Amino acid sequence: MNSSEFDRRFDAGDAVIGELDLDSATRPRLQQKRVNVDFPFWMVEQLDREATRLGVTRQSIIKIWLAERLEHSTASS
């Protein structure tokens, strides 16, 4: 099935999940890459406080803030 047919069937509400090969599916530009960053102790403490306040992990708050900053920078370019 080509993409136009898939889109047409999906938009019509037909079940299309059986047409997908979920074992080989990828999410372009969403692959993970591990990086190591050293932060001053005071910064880690503040990150932890903010993460606790929001009910998320330290890693999540860092990702959220970086994504917001990068989106803002891209929008103003």
N, C-alpha and C. Protein backbone atom coordinates (compact mmCIF):
# COMPACT_ATOMS: atom_id res chain seq x y z
N MET A 1 0.86 -1.16 0.00
CA MET A 1 0.00 0.00 0.00
C MET A 1 0.91 1.23 0.00
N ASN A 2 0.58 2.20 -0.85
CA ASN A 2 1.38 3.42 -0.88
C ASN A 2 0.89 4.39 0.19
N SER A 3 1.63 5.48 0.39
CA SER A 3 1.32 6.41 1.47
C SER A 3 -0.02 7.12 1.26
N SER A 4 -0.36 7.41 0.02
CA SER A 4 -1.65 8.08 -0.25
C SER A 4 -2.82 7.19 0.13
N GLU A 5 -2.71 5.92 -0.20
CA GLU A 5 -3.76 4.96 0.15
C GLU A 5 -3.84 4.79 1.66
N PHE A 6 -2.70 4.70 2.30
CA PHE A 6 -2.64 4.58 3.75
C PHE A 6 -3.32 5.79 4.40
N ASP A 7 -2.95 7.00 3.95
CA ASP A 7 -3.54 8.23 4.49
C ASP A 7 -5.05 8.26 4.27
N ARG A 8 -5.49 7.86 3.10
CA ARG A 8 -6.92 7.86 2.79
C ARG A 8 -7.67 6.92 3.72
N ARG A 9 -7.12 5.72 3.90
CA ARG A 9 -7.78 4.75 4.78
C ARG A 9 -7.76 5.22 6.24
N PHE A 10 -6.65 5.78 6.67
CA PHE A 10 -6.55 6.29 8.03
C PHE A 10 -7.57 7.40 8.26
N ASP A 11 -7.61 8.35 7.33
CA ASP A 11 -8.55 9.48 7.45
C ASP A 11 -10.00 9.02 7.43
N ALA A 12 -10.26 7.91 6.76
CA ALA A 12 -11.61 7.38 6.70
C ALA A 12 -11.97 6.60 7.97
N GLY A 13 -11.00 6.41 8.85
CA GLY A 13 -11.27 5.71 10.10
C GLY A 13 -11.07 4.21 10.01
N ASP A 14 -10.50 3.74 8.89
CA ASP A 14 -10.25 2.30 8.73
C ASP A 14 -9.09 1.88 9.63
N ALA A 15 -9.11 0.62 10.05
CA ALA A 15 -8.01 0.07 10.85
C ALA A 15 -6.80 -0.12 9.94
N VAL A 16 -5.71 0.55 10.24
CA VAL A 16 -4.51 0.45 9.41
C VAL A 16 -3.32 -0.11 10.19
N ILE A 17 -3.50 -0.38 11.46
CA ILE A 17 -2.38 -0.84 12.29
C ILE A 17 -1.79 -2.14 11.76
N GLY A 18 -2.61 -2.99 11.16
CA GLY A 18 -2.12 -4.25 10.60
C GLY A 18 -1.22 -4.05 9.40
N GLU A 19 -1.26 -2.90 8.81
CA GLU A 19 -0.43 -2.60 7.64
C GLU A 19 0.97 -2.14 8.03
N LEU A 20 1.20 -1.88 9.30
CA LEU A 20 2.47 -1.35 9.75
C LEU A 20 3.40 -2.45 10.25
N ASP A 21 4.67 -2.31 9.97
CA ASP A 21 5.69 -3.20 10.51
C ASP A 21 6.30 -2.49 11.72
N LEU A 22 5.69 -2.68 12.88
CA LEU A 22 6.09 -1.96 14.08
C LEU A 22 7.47 -2.37 14.60
N ASP A 23 7.93 -3.57 14.22
CA ASP A 23 9.25 -4.01 14.67
C ASP A 23 10.38 -3.21 14.02
N SER A 24 10.14 -2.68 12.83
CA SER A 24 11.20 -1.92 12.16
C SER A 24 10.87 -0.43 12.08
N ALA A 25 9.84 0.01 12.79
CA ALA A 25 9.45 1.41 12.76
C ALA A 25 10.52 2.27 13.45
N THR A 26 10.73 3.46 12.90
CA THR A 26 11.67 4.39 13.49
C THR A 26 10.98 5.74 13.69
N ARG A 27 11.57 6.56 14.51
CA ARG A 27 11.06 7.91 14.76
C ARG A 27 12.16 8.88 14.35
N PRO A 28 12.15 9.32 13.10
CA PRO A 28 13.23 10.19 12.62
C PRO A 28 13.40 11.42 13.50
N ARG A 29 14.64 11.79 13.71
CA ARG A 29 15.03 12.96 14.52
C ARG A 29 14.67 12.82 15.99
N LEU A 30 14.19 11.66 16.41
CA LEU A 30 13.86 11.47 17.82
C LEU A 30 14.73 10.38 18.46
N GLN A 31 15.74 9.91 17.72
CA GLN A 31 16.65 8.93 18.31
C GLN A 31 17.38 9.60 19.46
N GLN A 32 17.77 8.79 20.42
CA GLN A 32 18.46 9.30 21.60
C GLN A 32 19.96 9.23 21.39
N LYS A 33 20.67 10.19 21.91
CA LYS A 33 22.13 10.19 21.93
C LYS A 33 22.56 10.61 23.33
N ARG A 34 23.34 9.78 23.95
CA ARG A 34 23.79 10.05 25.31
C ARG A 34 24.94 11.05 25.28
N VAL A 35 24.84 12.06 26.14
CA VAL A 35 25.92 13.04 26.30
C VAL A 35 26.17 13.22 27.78
N ASN A 36 27.38 13.59 28.11
CA ASN A 36 27.74 13.86 29.51
C ASN A 36 27.99 15.35 29.65
N VAL A 37 27.40 15.94 30.65
CA VAL A 37 27.56 17.36 30.92
C VAL A 37 27.87 17.52 32.41
N ASP A 38 28.87 18.31 32.71
CA ASP A 38 29.20 18.60 34.11
C ASP A 38 28.57 19.93 34.50
N PHE A 39 27.84 19.92 35.63
CA PHE A 39 27.19 21.11 36.15
C PHE A 39 27.77 21.44 37.52
N PRO A 40 27.84 22.72 37.85
CA PRO A 40 28.24 23.08 39.22
C PRO A 40 27.21 22.54 40.21
N PHE A 41 27.66 22.27 41.42
CA PHE A 41 26.80 21.69 42.45
C PHE A 41 25.55 22.53 42.69
N TRP A 42 25.70 23.88 42.76
CA TRP A 42 24.55 24.74 43.02
C TRP A 42 23.48 24.60 41.94
N MET A 43 23.94 24.38 40.70
CA MET A 43 23.00 24.25 39.59
C MET A 43 22.22 22.93 39.69
N VAL A 44 22.90 21.87 40.08
CA VAL A 44 22.24 20.57 40.26
C VAL A 44 21.19 20.67 41.37
N GLU A 45 21.54 21.36 42.44
CA GLU A 45 20.59 21.53 43.54
C GLU A 45 19.34 22.27 43.06
N GLN A 46 19.53 23.34 42.31
CA GLN A 46 18.38 24.10 41.81
C GLN A 46 17.56 23.29 40.80
N LEU A 47 18.25 22.54 39.95
CA LEU A 47 17.54 21.67 39.00
C LEU A 47 16.69 20.64 39.75
N ASP A 48 17.27 20.05 40.79
CA ASP A 48 16.54 19.05 41.57
C ASP A 48 15.32 19.66 42.26
N ARG A 49 15.47 20.86 42.80
CA ARG A 49 14.33 21.52 43.45
C ARG A 49 13.21 21.79 42.44
N GLU A 50 13.58 22.30 41.30
CA GLU A 50 12.57 22.61 40.28
C GLU A 50 11.93 21.33 39.73
N ALA A 51 12.73 20.31 39.53
CA ALA A 51 12.19 19.03 39.06
C ALA A 51 11.21 18.45 40.07
N THR A 52 11.56 18.51 41.35
CA THR A 52 10.66 18.02 42.39
C THR A 52 9.37 18.83 42.42
N ARG A 53 9.49 20.14 42.29
CA ARG A 53 8.32 21.01 42.29
C ARG A 53 7.37 20.66 41.15
N LEU A 54 7.95 20.34 39.99
CA LEU A 54 7.13 20.01 38.82
C LEU A 54 6.75 18.53 38.75
N GLY A 55 7.35 17.72 39.61
CA GLY A 55 7.05 16.29 39.62
C GLY A 55 7.65 15.53 38.46
N VAL A 56 8.84 15.97 38.02
CA VAL A 56 9.53 15.29 36.93
C VAL A 56 10.95 14.98 37.38
N THR A 57 11.69 14.26 36.55
CA THR A 57 13.08 13.94 36.88
C THR A 57 14.00 15.10 36.50
N ARG A 58 15.19 15.07 37.04
CA ARG A 58 16.20 16.07 36.68
C ARG A 58 16.45 16.04 35.17
N GLN A 59 16.58 14.86 34.62
CA GLN A 59 16.81 14.73 33.19
C GLN A 59 15.67 15.36 32.39
N SER A 60 14.45 15.15 32.83
CA SER A 60 13.30 15.72 32.12
C SER A 60 13.31 17.23 32.14
N ILE A 61 13.61 17.82 33.29
CA ILE A 61 13.60 19.28 33.37
C ILE A 61 14.70 19.87 32.49
N ILE A 62 15.84 19.22 32.43
CA ILE A 62 16.92 19.69 31.56
C ILE A 62 16.47 19.62 30.10
N LYS A 63 15.87 18.50 29.70
CA LYS A 63 15.40 18.36 28.32
C LYS A 63 14.32 19.39 27.98
N ILE A 64 13.39 19.60 28.90
CA ILE A 64 12.31 20.56 28.68
C ILE A 64 12.89 21.96 28.48
N TRP A 65 13.75 22.36 29.39
CA TRP A 65 14.31 23.72 29.31
C TRP A 65 15.18 23.90 28.07
N LEU A 66 15.98 22.90 27.74
CA LEU A 66 16.79 23.02 26.53
C LEU A 66 15.91 23.09 25.28
N ALA A 67 14.87 22.27 25.22
CA ALA A 67 13.98 22.29 24.07
C ALA A 67 13.30 23.65 23.94
N GLU A 68 12.84 24.21 25.07
CA GLU A 68 12.20 25.53 25.03
C GLU A 68 13.18 26.58 24.52
N ARG A 69 14.40 26.54 25.01
CA ARG A 69 15.40 27.53 24.60
C ARG A 69 15.73 27.39 23.12
N LEU A 70 15.89 26.15 22.66
CA LEU A 70 16.22 25.92 21.26
C LEU A 70 15.06 26.34 20.34
N GLU A 71 13.82 26.06 20.76
CA GLU A 71 12.66 26.49 19.96
C GLU A 71 12.60 28.01 19.90
N HIS A 72 12.86 28.66 21.03
CA HIS A 72 12.85 30.12 21.07
C HIS A 72 13.93 30.69 20.16
N SER A 73 15.12 30.11 20.22
CA SER A 73 16.22 30.58 19.37
C SER A 73 15.90 30.39 17.90
N THR A 74 15.29 29.27 17.55
CA THR A 74 14.94 29.00 16.17
C THR A 74 13.86 29.97 15.70
N ALA A 75 12.89 30.25 16.55
CA ALA A 75 11.79 31.14 16.19
C ALA A 75 12.27 32.57 15.97
N SER A 76 13.29 32.99 16.72
CA SER A 76 13.74 34.37 16.59
C SER A 76 14.84 34.54 15.54
N SER A 77 15.23 33.45 14.89
CA SER A 77 16.27 33.54 13.84
C SER A 77 15.67 33.97 12.53
